[in-house]
Amino acid sequence: MIVYALHCACGQDFDQWFDNMADYDARKAAGIPCPSCGGTEVAKAIMAPRVAKSQPAPAPACAAGGCGGGGCPMMM
């Protein structure tokens, strides 16, 4: 599934889900109705990419001998 931001000639912006790009193309050819005016002069709007935020590095594992010596980051 993919969501596209769409823009109608009447000025209405809306989102709609499609199975894939081919589904969008087929539905566009048939006429995607605008939820505001019902017109079919609808096109993809410019969209900002959704980039995942970086994840913090995992804490280092404890040494094989255990957490002795006060160096364990889990004990701080």
N, C-alpha and C. Protein backbone atom coordinates (compact mmCIF):
# COMPACT_ATOMS: atom_id res chain seq x y z
N MET A 1 0.85 -1.18 0.00
CA MET A 1 0.00 0.00 0.00
C MET A 1 0.89 1.24 0.00
N ILE A 2 0.40 2.25 -0.69
CA ILE A 2 1.13 3.52 -0.76
C ILE A 2 0.11 4.65 -0.66
N VAL A 3 0.48 5.70 0.04
CA VAL A 3 -0.40 6.85 0.15
C VAL A 3 0.19 7.99 -0.67
N TYR A 4 -0.66 8.64 -1.45
CA TYR A 4 -0.24 9.79 -2.24
C TYR A 4 -1.00 11.01 -1.76
N ALA A 5 -0.30 12.14 -1.71
CA ALA A 5 -0.94 13.43 -1.50
C ALA A 5 -1.44 13.87 -2.87
N LEU A 6 -2.72 14.18 -2.96
CA LEU A 6 -3.32 14.56 -4.23
C LEU A 6 -3.80 16.00 -4.16
N HIS A 7 -3.87 16.64 -5.33
CA HIS A 7 -4.31 18.03 -5.42
C HIS A 7 -5.34 18.14 -6.54
N CYS A 8 -6.48 18.73 -6.23
CA CYS A 8 -7.54 18.92 -7.22
C CYS A 8 -7.43 20.31 -7.82
N ALA A 9 -7.96 20.47 -9.02
CA ALA A 9 -7.96 21.77 -9.69
C ALA A 9 -8.76 22.81 -8.89
N CYS A 10 -9.68 22.36 -8.02
CA CYS A 10 -10.46 23.30 -7.20
C CYS A 10 -9.66 23.85 -6.03
N GLY A 11 -8.43 23.31 -5.81
CA GLY A 11 -7.57 23.78 -4.72
C GLY A 11 -7.55 22.86 -3.52
N GLN A 12 -8.37 21.83 -3.52
CA GLN A 12 -8.44 20.89 -2.40
C GLN A 12 -7.24 19.94 -2.42
N ASP A 13 -6.58 19.77 -1.29
CA ASP A 13 -5.52 18.78 -1.12
C ASP A 13 -6.06 17.66 -0.25
N PHE A 14 -5.76 16.41 -0.62
CA PHE A 14 -6.21 15.27 0.16
C PHE A 14 -5.28 14.10 -0.07
N ASP A 15 -5.31 13.12 0.82
CA ASP A 15 -4.50 11.91 0.72
C ASP A 15 -5.40 10.75 0.32
N GLN A 16 -4.83 9.81 -0.43
CA GLN A 16 -5.57 8.61 -0.79
C GLN A 16 -4.60 7.44 -0.89
N TRP A 17 -5.07 6.27 -0.43
CA TRP A 17 -4.26 5.06 -0.45
C TRP A 17 -4.47 4.30 -1.76
N PHE A 18 -3.38 3.69 -2.26
CA PHE A 18 -3.40 2.87 -3.46
C PHE A 18 -2.62 1.60 -3.19
N ASP A 19 -2.97 0.52 -3.91
CA ASP A 19 -2.26 -0.75 -3.74
C ASP A 19 -0.81 -0.64 -4.17
N ASN A 20 -0.56 0.11 -5.25
CA ASN A 20 0.78 0.30 -5.79
C ASN A 20 0.71 1.41 -6.85
N MET A 21 1.81 1.67 -7.54
CA MET A 21 1.82 2.74 -8.54
C MET A 21 0.90 2.41 -9.72
N ALA A 22 0.83 1.14 -10.10
CA ALA A 22 -0.04 0.74 -11.20
C ALA A 22 -1.51 0.97 -10.83
N ASP A 23 -1.86 0.74 -9.57
CA ASP A 23 -3.23 0.99 -9.11
C ASP A 23 -3.55 2.48 -9.23
N TYR A 24 -2.60 3.35 -8.85
CA TYR A 24 -2.80 4.79 -9.00
C TYR A 24 -3.04 5.13 -10.47
N ASP A 25 -2.19 4.61 -11.36
CA ASP A 25 -2.32 4.91 -12.78
C ASP A 25 -3.68 4.48 -13.33
N ALA A 26 -4.14 3.29 -12.93
CA ALA A 26 -5.43 2.79 -13.41
C ALA A 26 -6.58 3.65 -12.87
N ARG A 27 -6.51 3.98 -11.60
CA ARG A 27 -7.59 4.79 -11.02
C ARG A 27 -7.56 6.22 -11.53
N LYS A 28 -6.36 6.73 -11.82
CA LYS A 28 -6.23 8.08 -12.40
C LYS A 28 -6.88 8.11 -13.77
N ALA A 29 -6.65 7.06 -14.58
CA ALA A 29 -7.24 6.99 -15.92
C ALA A 29 -8.77 6.93 -15.84
N ALA A 30 -9.29 6.26 -14.81
CA ALA A 30 -10.74 6.15 -14.64
C ALA A 30 -11.34 7.42 -14.02
N GLY A 31 -10.49 8.23 -13.38
CA GLY A 31 -10.95 9.47 -12.75
C GLY A 31 -11.09 9.34 -11.25
N ILE A 32 -10.14 9.92 -10.52
CA ILE A 32 -10.18 9.93 -9.06
C ILE A 32 -11.03 11.12 -8.64
N PRO A 33 -12.15 10.90 -7.96
CA PRO A 33 -12.99 12.03 -7.58
C PRO A 33 -12.45 12.80 -6.38
N CYS A 34 -12.55 14.10 -6.46
CA CYS A 34 -12.17 14.97 -5.35
C CYS A 34 -13.25 14.88 -4.27
N PRO A 35 -12.87 14.71 -3.00
CA PRO A 35 -13.88 14.63 -1.94
C PRO A 35 -14.61 15.95 -1.70
N SER A 36 -14.06 17.04 -2.19
CA SER A 36 -14.67 18.35 -1.97
C SER A 36 -15.65 18.72 -3.08
N CYS A 37 -15.20 18.64 -4.34
CA CYS A 37 -16.03 19.09 -5.45
C CYS A 37 -16.53 17.96 -6.35
N GLY A 38 -15.94 16.77 -6.22
CA GLY A 38 -16.34 15.65 -7.06
C GLY A 38 -15.68 15.65 -8.43
N GLY A 39 -14.90 16.68 -8.72
CA GLY A 39 -14.20 16.76 -10.00
C GLY A 39 -13.10 15.73 -10.10
N THR A 40 -12.67 15.46 -11.31
CA THR A 40 -11.63 14.45 -11.52
C THR A 40 -10.33 15.03 -12.07
N GLU A 41 -10.17 16.34 -11.99
CA GLU A 41 -8.91 16.96 -12.38
C GLU A 41 -7.97 16.90 -11.18
N VAL A 42 -7.54 15.70 -10.88
CA VAL A 42 -6.73 15.42 -9.69
C VAL A 42 -5.36 14.92 -10.13
N ALA A 43 -4.32 15.40 -9.46
CA ALA A 43 -2.96 14.97 -9.76
C ALA A 43 -2.19 14.80 -8.45
N LYS A 44 -1.07 14.09 -8.53
CA LYS A 44 -0.21 13.94 -7.36
C LYS A 44 0.34 15.30 -6.97
N ALA A 45 0.35 15.57 -5.68
CA ALA A 45 0.95 16.79 -5.16
C ALA A 45 2.40 16.50 -4.79
N ILE A 46 3.18 17.54 -4.64
CA ILE A 46 4.57 17.37 -4.21
C ILE A 46 4.56 16.87 -2.78
N MET A 47 5.34 15.82 -2.51
CA MET A 47 5.39 15.22 -1.18
C MET A 47 6.82 15.25 -0.66
N ALA A 48 6.94 15.47 0.64
CA ALA A 48 8.25 15.38 1.29
C ALA A 48 8.50 13.91 1.64
N PRO A 49 9.71 13.42 1.43
CA PRO A 49 9.99 12.03 1.78
C PRO A 49 9.93 11.83 3.29
N ARG A 50 9.50 10.65 3.69
CA ARG A 50 9.47 10.30 5.10
C ARG A 50 10.72 9.50 5.41
N VAL A 51 11.63 10.12 6.13
CA VAL A 51 12.90 9.49 6.46
C VAL A 51 12.88 9.11 7.93
N ALA A 52 13.21 7.88 8.21
CA ALA A 52 13.22 7.40 9.59
C ALA A 52 14.33 8.10 10.36
N LYS A 53 14.05 8.39 11.61
CA LYS A 53 15.07 8.98 12.48
C LYS A 53 16.10 7.91 12.82
N SER A 54 17.34 8.34 13.00
CA SER A 54 18.38 7.37 13.35
C SER A 54 18.15 6.87 14.77
N GLN A 55 18.51 5.63 14.99
CA GLN A 55 18.34 5.00 16.29
C GLN A 55 19.64 5.14 17.07
N PRO A 56 19.56 5.34 18.40
CA PRO A 56 20.79 5.41 19.19
C PRO A 56 21.50 4.06 19.17
N ALA A 57 22.82 4.11 19.30
CA ALA A 57 23.61 2.88 19.32
C ALA A 57 23.26 2.07 20.56
N PRO A 58 23.18 0.76 20.43
CA PRO A 58 22.86 -0.07 21.60
C PRO A 58 24.00 -0.02 22.61
N ALA A 59 23.63 -0.21 23.88
CA ALA A 59 24.64 -0.22 24.94
C ALA A 59 25.53 -1.43 24.76
N PRO A 60 26.81 -1.30 25.07
CA PRO A 60 27.70 -2.45 24.93
C PRO A 60 27.30 -3.57 25.89
N ALA A 61 27.53 -4.79 25.47
CA ALA A 61 27.21 -5.95 26.31
C ALA A 61 28.22 -6.07 27.44
N CYS A 62 27.78 -6.68 28.52
CA CYS A 62 28.67 -6.90 29.66
C CYS A 62 29.75 -7.91 29.27
N ALA A 63 30.86 -7.85 29.94
CA ALA A 63 31.95 -8.79 29.69
C ALA A 63 31.51 -10.20 30.09
N ALA A 64 32.19 -11.18 29.56
CA ALA A 64 31.85 -12.58 29.84
C ALA A 64 31.94 -12.91 31.33
N GLY A 65 32.79 -12.23 32.07
CA GLY A 65 32.97 -12.50 33.49
C GLY A 65 31.94 -11.81 34.37
N GLY A 66 31.05 -11.04 33.81
CA GLY A 66 30.04 -10.33 34.59
C GLY A 66 30.31 -8.85 34.60
N CYS A 67 29.64 -8.16 35.49
CA CYS A 67 29.70 -6.70 35.53
C CYS A 67 30.60 -6.19 36.65
N GLY A 68 31.54 -6.96 37.09
CA GLY A 68 32.41 -6.53 38.17
C GLY A 68 33.30 -5.37 37.75
N GLY A 69 33.79 -4.65 38.71
CA GLY A 69 34.72 -3.56 38.45
C GLY A 69 34.03 -2.23 38.18
N GLY A 70 32.71 -2.16 38.24
CA GLY A 70 32.01 -0.90 38.06
C GLY A 70 32.00 -0.36 36.65
N GLY A 71 32.40 -1.15 35.65
CA GLY A 71 32.44 -0.67 34.28
C GLY A 71 31.17 -0.95 33.48
N CYS A 72 30.19 -1.53 34.11
CA CYS A 72 28.98 -1.88 33.39
C CYS A 72 28.11 -0.63 33.17
N PRO A 73 27.78 -0.32 31.92
CA PRO A 73 26.95 0.86 31.67
C PRO A 73 25.53 0.70 32.22
N MET A 74 25.09 -0.54 32.45
CA MET A 74 23.75 -0.75 32.99
C MET A 74 23.68 -0.44 34.47
N MET A 75 24.81 -0.38 35.14
CA MET A 75 24.85 -0.13 36.58
C MET A 75 24.98 1.36 36.90
N MET A 76 25.14 2.19 35.88
CA MET A 76 25.32 3.64 36.13
C MET A 76 24.00 4.33 36.22
